[in-house]
Protein backbone atom coordinates (compact mmCIF):
# COMPACT_ATOMS: atom_id res chain seq x y z
CA MET A 1 -131.63 -41.51 -129.81
CA ALA A 2 -132.77 -45.01 -128.87
CA THR A 3 -136.31 -45.19 -127.53
CA GLU A 4 -136.57 -48.82 -126.46
CA SER A 5 -134.38 -51.57 -125.06
CA ILE A 6 -135.35 -54.85 -126.69
CA TYR A 7 -134.09 -56.82 -123.67
CA PRO A 8 -132.12 -56.04 -120.47
CA ARG A 9 -128.39 -55.43 -120.77
CA THR A 10 -125.94 -57.83 -119.11
CA PRO A 11 -123.94 -55.74 -116.60
CA VAL A 12 -120.25 -55.19 -117.32
CA GLY A 13 -118.15 -58.05 -115.95
CA THR A 14 -121.17 -60.30 -115.43
CA ILE A 15 -121.82 -63.66 -117.08
CA GLU A 16 -125.40 -64.88 -117.12
CA ILE A 17 -127.88 -67.11 -118.89
CA LYS A 18 -130.82 -65.13 -120.25
CA THR A 19 -133.65 -65.67 -122.70
CA LEU A 20 -134.22 -63.06 -125.41
CA PRO A 21 -137.83 -62.43 -126.45
CA ALA A 22 -139.28 -63.11 -129.90
CA ARG A 23 -138.09 -60.33 -132.21
CA THR A 24 -138.49 -58.95 -135.69
CA ALA A 25 -135.00 -58.50 -137.07
CA LEU A 26 -133.66 -56.37 -139.92
CA VAL A 27 -130.46 -57.87 -141.30
CA ALA A 28 -127.98 -56.08 -143.58
CA SER A 29 -124.61 -57.16 -144.89
CA ALA A 30 -121.79 -55.43 -146.75
CA SER A 31 -118.33 -56.17 -148.01
CA GLY A 32 -115.28 -55.64 -145.83
CA ASP A 33 -114.03 -56.70 -142.42
CA ALA A 34 -116.54 -57.64 -139.71
CA PHE A 35 -115.04 -55.07 -137.30
CA GLU A 36 -113.18 -52.49 -139.38
CA ASP A 37 -116.00 -51.90 -141.92
CA ARG A 38 -119.05 -52.31 -139.70
CA GLY A 39 -120.37 -48.88 -140.66
CA ALA A 40 -121.17 -50.01 -144.20
CA ALA A 41 -123.74 -52.55 -142.97
CA PHE A 42 -125.14 -50.08 -140.48
CA ARG A 43 -125.69 -47.44 -143.19
CA GLU A 44 -127.87 -49.89 -145.13
CA LEU A 45 -129.90 -50.58 -141.99
CA PHE A 46 -130.20 -46.91 -141.14
CA ALA A 47 -131.46 -46.03 -144.61
CA TYR A 48 -134.20 -48.70 -144.31
CA ILE A 49 -135.13 -47.53 -140.81
CA GLN A 50 -135.50 -43.95 -142.00
CA GLU A 51 -137.48 -44.94 -145.09
CA GLU A 52 -139.93 -47.02 -143.01
CA GLU A 53 -139.99 -44.47 -140.14
CA ILE A 54 -139.07 -47.08 -137.53
CA ALA A 55 -138.01 -45.72 -134.13
CA MET A 56 -134.46 -46.57 -133.12
CA SER A 57 -133.95 -49.31 -130.54
CA ILE A 58 -131.03 -50.89 -128.69
CA PRO A 59 -129.02 -53.02 -128.91
CA VAL A 60 -127.84 -54.03 -132.38
CA ALA A 61 -126.20 -57.40 -133.02
CA ALA A 62 -123.42 -58.29 -135.41
CA SER A 63 -121.49 -61.26 -136.72
CA PRO A 64 -117.81 -61.54 -135.73
CA THR A 65 -116.90 -63.29 -138.97
CA ILE A 66 -118.74 -61.45 -141.76
CA ASN A 67 -119.77 -57.81 -142.10
CA GLU A 68 -123.38 -58.32 -141.08
CA MET A 69 -125.48 -56.27 -138.66
CA VAL A 70 -128.90 -56.91 -137.11
CA PHE A 71 -131.41 -54.30 -135.88
CA TYR A 72 -134.45 -55.29 -133.81
CA VAL A 73 -137.81 -53.66 -134.53
CA GLY A 74 -139.42 -52.18 -131.42
CA THR A 75 -143.00 -52.50 -130.25
CA ASN A 76 -144.03 -49.35 -132.12
CA SER A 77 -143.65 -51.22 -135.42
CA ALA A 78 -144.13 -54.82 -134.30
CA SER A 79 -147.59 -55.11 -135.85
CA ARG A 80 -146.56 -53.70 -139.22
CA THR A 81 -145.78 -55.79 -142.28
CA LEU A 82 -142.22 -55.00 -143.30
CA SER A 83 -140.82 -56.23 -146.60
CA SER A 84 -137.30 -57.30 -147.44
CA THR A 85 -135.29 -55.31 -149.97
CA ASN A 86 -132.09 -55.99 -151.88
CA GLU A 87 -130.14 -54.49 -148.98
CA VAL A 88 -132.14 -55.50 -145.90
CA THR A 89 -133.77 -58.83 -145.02
CA VAL A 90 -136.70 -58.98 -142.59
CA GLN A 91 -136.65 -62.00 -140.29
CA THR A 92 -138.92 -63.22 -137.49
CA LEU A 93 -136.85 -64.64 -134.62
CA SER A 94 -138.15 -66.97 -131.91
CA PRO A 95 -137.14 -66.58 -128.24
CA LEU A 96 -133.49 -67.48 -127.80
CA THR A 97 -131.57 -68.56 -124.69
CA VAL A 98 -127.98 -67.34 -124.61
CA ALA A 99 -124.95 -67.28 -122.37
CA SER A 100 -123.99 -63.61 -122.18
CA ILE A 101 -120.99 -61.65 -120.92
CA GLY A 102 -121.12 -57.87 -120.41
CA LEU A 103 -118.15 -55.86 -121.66
CA ARG A 104 -116.89 -52.27 -121.58
CA GLY A 105 -114.50 -50.66 -124.06
CA SER A 106 -113.87 -50.25 -127.75
CA TYR A 107 -115.71 -52.32 -130.33
CA THR A 108 -112.59 -54.09 -131.55
CA ARG A 109 -111.80 -57.66 -132.52
CA LYS A 110 -109.37 -57.96 -129.61
CA ASN A 111 -111.98 -56.88 -127.05
CA TYR A 112 -114.39 -59.39 -128.59
CA GLU A 113 -111.87 -62.24 -128.58
CA ASP A 114 -110.83 -61.55 -124.96
CA GLY A 115 -114.47 -61.58 -123.86
CA LEU A 116 -115.25 -64.69 -125.87
CA ALA A 117 -112.39 -66.56 -124.20
CA LYS A 118 -113.82 -65.74 -120.75
CA LEU A 119 -117.33 -66.74 -121.78
CA ASN A 120 -116.15 -70.02 -123.31
CA ALA A 121 -114.15 -70.84 -120.19
CA TRP A 122 -117.22 -70.24 -118.02
CA LEU A 123 -119.46 -72.33 -120.29
CA ALA A 124 -116.98 -75.21 -120.15
CA SER A 125 -117.65 -75.47 -116.41
CA GLN A 126 -121.44 -75.33 -116.77
CA LYS A 127 -122.40 -78.91 -117.57
CA GLU A 128 -126.11 -78.10 -117.67
CA TRP A 129 -125.69 -75.83 -120.72
CA GLN A 130 -124.39 -76.70 -124.17
CA THR A 131 -123.66 -74.45 -127.14
CA ASN A 132 -125.95 -74.87 -130.13
CA ALA A 133 -124.99 -71.99 -132.46
CA ALA A 134 -122.16 -69.60 -133.27
CA PRO A 135 -121.38 -66.63 -130.99
CA TYR A 136 -122.18 -63.07 -131.96
CA VAL A 137 -121.52 -59.59 -130.58
CA VAL A 138 -124.06 -57.06 -129.29
CA TYR A 139 -123.51 -53.27 -129.22
CA TRP A 140 -125.39 -50.99 -126.81
CA ASN A 141 -123.88 -47.62 -127.72
CA SER A 142 -123.40 -45.49 -130.79
CA PRO A 143 -119.92 -45.54 -132.41
CA PHE A 144 -119.83 -41.83 -131.53
CA THR A 145 -119.78 -42.74 -127.82
CA LEU A 146 -116.35 -42.39 -126.20
CA TRP A 147 -114.63 -45.78 -126.51
CA PHE A 148 -113.95 -46.25 -122.79
CA VAL A 149 -117.63 -46.01 -121.80
CA ARG A 150 -119.08 -48.12 -124.61
CA LYS A 151 -120.90 -51.24 -123.47
CA SER A 152 -121.29 -54.46 -125.41
CA GLU A 153 -122.03 -58.14 -124.92
CA ILE A 154 -121.10 -61.45 -126.45
CA HIS A 155 -123.88 -64.01 -126.82
CA ILE A 156 -123.50 -67.74 -127.34
CA PRO A 157 -126.84 -69.52 -128.01
CA VAL A 158 -127.28 -72.46 -125.62
CA THR A 159 -129.70 -75.21 -124.70
CA GLN A 160 -130.15 -76.84 -121.31
CA THR A 161 -128.95 -80.39 -120.88
CA THR A 162 -130.52 -82.99 -118.62
CA ASN A 163 -128.17 -81.88 -115.82
CA ALA A 164 -130.65 -79.45 -114.23
CA LEU A 165 -129.37 -76.74 -111.91
CA PRO A 166 -129.83 -77.19 -108.16
CA VAL A 167 -132.65 -74.92 -107.02
CA PHE A 168 -130.37 -72.37 -105.28
CA TYR A 169 -129.00 -71.22 -108.65
CA THR A 170 -132.39 -70.78 -110.31
CA PHE A 171 -133.92 -67.99 -108.22
CA PRO A 172 -134.40 -64.76 -110.18
CA VAL A 173 -132.43 -61.91 -108.62
CA GLU A 174 -131.99 -58.29 -109.60
CA THR A 175 -128.57 -56.68 -109.92
CA SER A 176 -127.93 -53.24 -108.44
CA GLU A 177 -128.32 -51.91 -112.00
CA GLY A 178 -131.83 -53.35 -112.27
CA THR A 179 -131.10 -56.33 -114.52
CA THR A 180 -132.84 -59.62 -113.74
CA THR A 181 -130.53 -62.62 -113.65
CA ASN A 182 -130.02 -65.73 -111.49
CA LEU A 183 -127.27 -67.25 -109.38
CA ALA A 184 -126.05 -69.74 -112.00
CA PRO A 185 -122.70 -67.89 -112.44
CA TYR A 186 -121.79 -68.94 -108.89
CA LYS A 187 -122.29 -72.67 -109.42
CA GLY A 188 -119.26 -74.56 -108.20
CA LYS A 189 -118.34 -71.92 -105.61
CA ALA A 190 -118.95 -71.77 -101.89
CA VAL A 191 -121.41 -68.92 -101.34
CA LEU A 192 -122.09 -66.79 -98.27
CA VAL A 193 -125.46 -65.00 -98.59
CA ILE A 194 -125.94 -61.99 -96.28
CA ASN A 195 -128.96 -59.72 -95.89
CA VAL A 196 -127.33 -56.31 -95.47
CA ALA A 197 -128.28 -52.75 -94.47
CA SER A 198 -126.49 -49.39 -94.51
CA LYS A 199 -127.80 -47.84 -91.27
CA CYS A 200 -127.65 -50.74 -88.85
CA GLY A 201 -125.52 -51.29 -85.78
CA PHE A 202 -124.05 -54.29 -87.61
CA THR A 203 -123.21 -52.29 -90.76
CA PRO A 204 -119.48 -52.09 -89.85
CA GLN A 205 -119.40 -55.85 -90.52
CA TYR A 206 -119.00 -54.85 -94.18
CA GLU A 207 -115.32 -54.24 -93.43
CA GLY A 208 -114.82 -57.74 -92.08
CA LEU A 209 -116.90 -59.29 -94.86
CA GLN A 210 -114.71 -57.62 -97.48
CA LYS A 211 -111.58 -58.98 -95.75
CA LEU A 212 -113.21 -62.41 -95.67
CA TYR A 213 -113.88 -62.18 -99.39
CA GLU A 214 -110.34 -61.07 -100.17
CA THR A 215 -108.92 -63.92 -98.08
CA TYR A 216 -110.95 -66.77 -99.56
CA ALA A 217 -112.03 -65.63 -103.04
CA LYS A 218 -109.13 -67.40 -104.75
CA GLN A 219 -110.09 -70.59 -102.91
CA GLY A 220 -113.59 -70.47 -104.35
CA LEU A 221 -115.68 -68.34 -101.96
CA VAL A 222 -118.06 -65.59 -103.08
CA LEU A 223 -120.12 -63.32 -100.86
CA LEU A 224 -123.54 -62.11 -102.07
CA GLY A 225 -125.12 -59.13 -100.34
CA PHE A 226 -128.89 -58.61 -100.47
CA PRO A 227 -129.95 -55.21 -99.08
CA SER A 228 -133.21 -55.22 -97.14
CA ASN A 229 -135.27 -52.47 -95.53
CA ASP A 230 -137.30 -54.90 -93.42
CA PHE A 231 -135.79 -54.05 -90.04
CA MET A 232 -136.49 -50.57 -88.63
CA GLY A 233 -136.10 -48.97 -92.07
CA GLN A 234 -132.33 -49.36 -91.91
CA GLU A 235 -131.83 -49.64 -95.70
CA PRO A 236 -133.75 -46.63 -97.09
CA GLY A 237 -131.55 -45.86 -100.10
CA THR A 238 -131.90 -46.70 -103.75
CA ASN A 239 -129.89 -49.53 -105.29
CA ALA A 240 -127.44 -47.01 -106.73
CA GLU A 241 -127.04 -45.25 -103.37
CA ILE A 242 -126.48 -48.55 -101.59
CA GLN A 243 -123.85 -49.63 -104.11
CA GLN A 244 -122.06 -46.28 -103.79
CA PHE A 245 -122.14 -46.48 -99.99
CA CYS A 246 -120.69 -49.99 -99.94
CA THR A 247 -117.95 -49.11 -102.41
CA LEU A 248 -116.88 -45.76 -101.02
CA THR A 249 -117.30 -46.45 -97.30
CA TYR A 250 -116.07 -50.02 -97.02
CA GLY A 251 -114.38 -50.78 -100.35
CA VAL A 252 -116.80 -53.63 -101.03
CA THR A 253 -116.00 -55.58 -104.21
CA PHE A 254 -118.23 -58.62 -103.72
CA PRO A 255 -121.65 -58.51 -105.47
CA ILE A 256 -124.39 -56.37 -103.91
CA PHE A 257 -127.78 -57.08 -105.47
CA GLY A 258 -130.99 -55.04 -105.64
CA LYS A 259 -133.11 -54.54 -102.51
CA VAL A 260 -135.33 -57.44 -101.47
CA SER A 261 -137.71 -58.36 -98.68
CA VAL A 262 -136.35 -61.13 -96.50
CA LYS A 263 -139.53 -61.65 -94.46
CA GLY A 264 -143.28 -61.12 -94.66
CA GLU A 265 -145.73 -61.41 -97.54
CA LYS A 266 -143.23 -60.04 -100.08
CA GLN A 267 -140.37 -62.27 -98.94
CA HIS A 268 -138.05 -62.97 -101.86
CA PRO A 269 -138.16 -66.59 -103.13
CA LEU A 270 -134.47 -67.04 -102.33
CA PHE A 271 -135.09 -66.21 -98.66
CA VAL A 272 -138.25 -68.30 -98.62
CA TRP A 273 -136.02 -71.23 -99.58
CA LEU A 274 -133.21 -70.32 -97.18
CA THR A 275 -135.58 -70.10 -94.19
CA ASP A 276 -137.87 -73.05 -95.02
CA LYS A 277 -137.79 -75.40 -92.00
CA THR A 278 -139.27 -78.27 -94.01
CA LEU A 279 -136.37 -78.14 -96.47
CA HIS A 280 -133.79 -77.22 -93.82
CA PRO A 281 -135.01 -78.58 -90.46
CA GLU A 282 -131.86 -77.59 -88.57
CA LEU A 283 -131.14 -74.30 -90.35
CA GLY A 284 -134.56 -72.92 -91.30
CA GLY A 285 -136.53 -70.26 -89.48
CA PRO A 286 -137.12 -66.51 -89.91
CA VAL A 287 -134.35 -64.03 -90.62
CA SER A 288 -133.76 -62.46 -87.21
CA TRP A 289 -132.21 -59.12 -88.24
CA ASN A 290 -129.80 -57.55 -90.71
CA PHE A 291 -126.55 -59.42 -91.42
CA ASN A 292 -127.79 -62.99 -91.02
CA LYS A 293 -125.39 -65.26 -92.91
CA PHE A 294 -126.24 -68.37 -94.94
CA LEU A 295 -123.45 -70.64 -96.19
CA ILE A 296 -124.04 -72.63 -99.38
CA ASP A 297 -121.67 -75.38 -100.51
CA ARG A 298 -120.30 -75.88 -104.03
CA ASN A 299 -123.32 -78.03 -104.93
CA GLY A 300 -125.95 -75.44 -104.00
CA LYS A 301 -126.82 -76.96 -100.60
CA LEU A 302 -127.41 -74.84 -97.47
CA ILE A 303 -124.88 -76.19 -94.96
CA ALA A 304 -124.60 -73.56 -92.22
CA ARG A 305 -126.25 -70.44 -90.86
CA PHE A 306 -125.06 -67.68 -88.56
CA GLY A 307 -126.84 -64.80 -86.83
CA SER A 308 -126.27 -61.08 -86.95
CA ARG A 309 -123.95 -61.09 -83.96
CA THR A 310 -121.58 -63.56 -85.60
CA LYS A 311 -118.73 -61.37 -86.83
CA PRO A 312 -116.97 -62.14 -90.13
CA ASP A 313 -113.83 -63.24 -88.25
CA ASP A 314 -115.72 -65.53 -85.87
CA PRO A 315 -113.81 -68.85 -85.55
CA GLU A 316 -116.92 -70.97 -86.16
CA LEU A 317 -117.76 -69.07 -89.35
CA ILE A 318 -114.16 -69.30 -90.57
CA LYS A 319 -114.10 -73.03 -89.82
CA ALA A 320 -117.31 -73.61 -91.81
CA ILE A 321 -116.03 -71.55 -94.77
CA GLU A 322 -112.69 -73.33 -94.86
CA LYS A 323 -114.47 -76.68 -94.89
CA ALA A 324 -116.81 -75.53 -97.68
CA VAL A 325 -114.05 -74.28 -99.98
CA LYS A 326 -112.01 -77.47 -99.52
CA GLU A 327 -114.85 -79.86 -100.40
């Protein structure tokens, strides 16, 4: 039973840039195929872990080309001096920035290669990041876990180029699963940001927003929902409850993030930026109620804003979206 997560997991289907903390790594290798014979390397690691009485942690990392596996020592043993053996090498790793994609399914070469192709395609469009080391695979579940619920990741180490991200993409946001990420995966898309709530008179707008997403997603539009309980307590649920409500009640498939404050002392930095009248003289100002809508162009610039009463099929909103996806 794992007792510690060394870093947050990338949600299934998500691509993100994240920085892994400094770690103490235990590295073991064995003969055989990198995927078919992975257990041989793990057995060497497990024997060392038992001998040294190190608590189990997640995830483990592995090479896709040689039969090598890496275990990260948790905080319970971080201050200990661990020695390498003939089977296991102890390494001290510095913080590492990676492009990561979250996967679900069996730990096979095909699943890895399919995920790697998606991650490489995404990286090719991100001019501010460049690859600086070989990719590797990360496993979050035991091999005894049913194959269709196993979760894994692929990491490609990256460094930032001089092409810095526009500020919109840099704000830290929390997914509905509790993972901290940013908005970099949406660079190059037109983005409609909405502060949402489940018990508001405007909540039925979810239906129209989903139709809007389905209509324009292939043209480059993404909708991002940020639940907020700032107005009359109309979003009281947990992140999981909100996600379930959106999915089951309105069939929402666009991203719904963790709850945030959109006003007041705890106002989220993203909404501080969106409402800043100095930065956006014509579009700034407080969020008036649930279901305000902020339109961001493909370059991360706020270009339009609409109030709660503007329905998703409003002609002015549609006109602004169509202009944004064409530019």
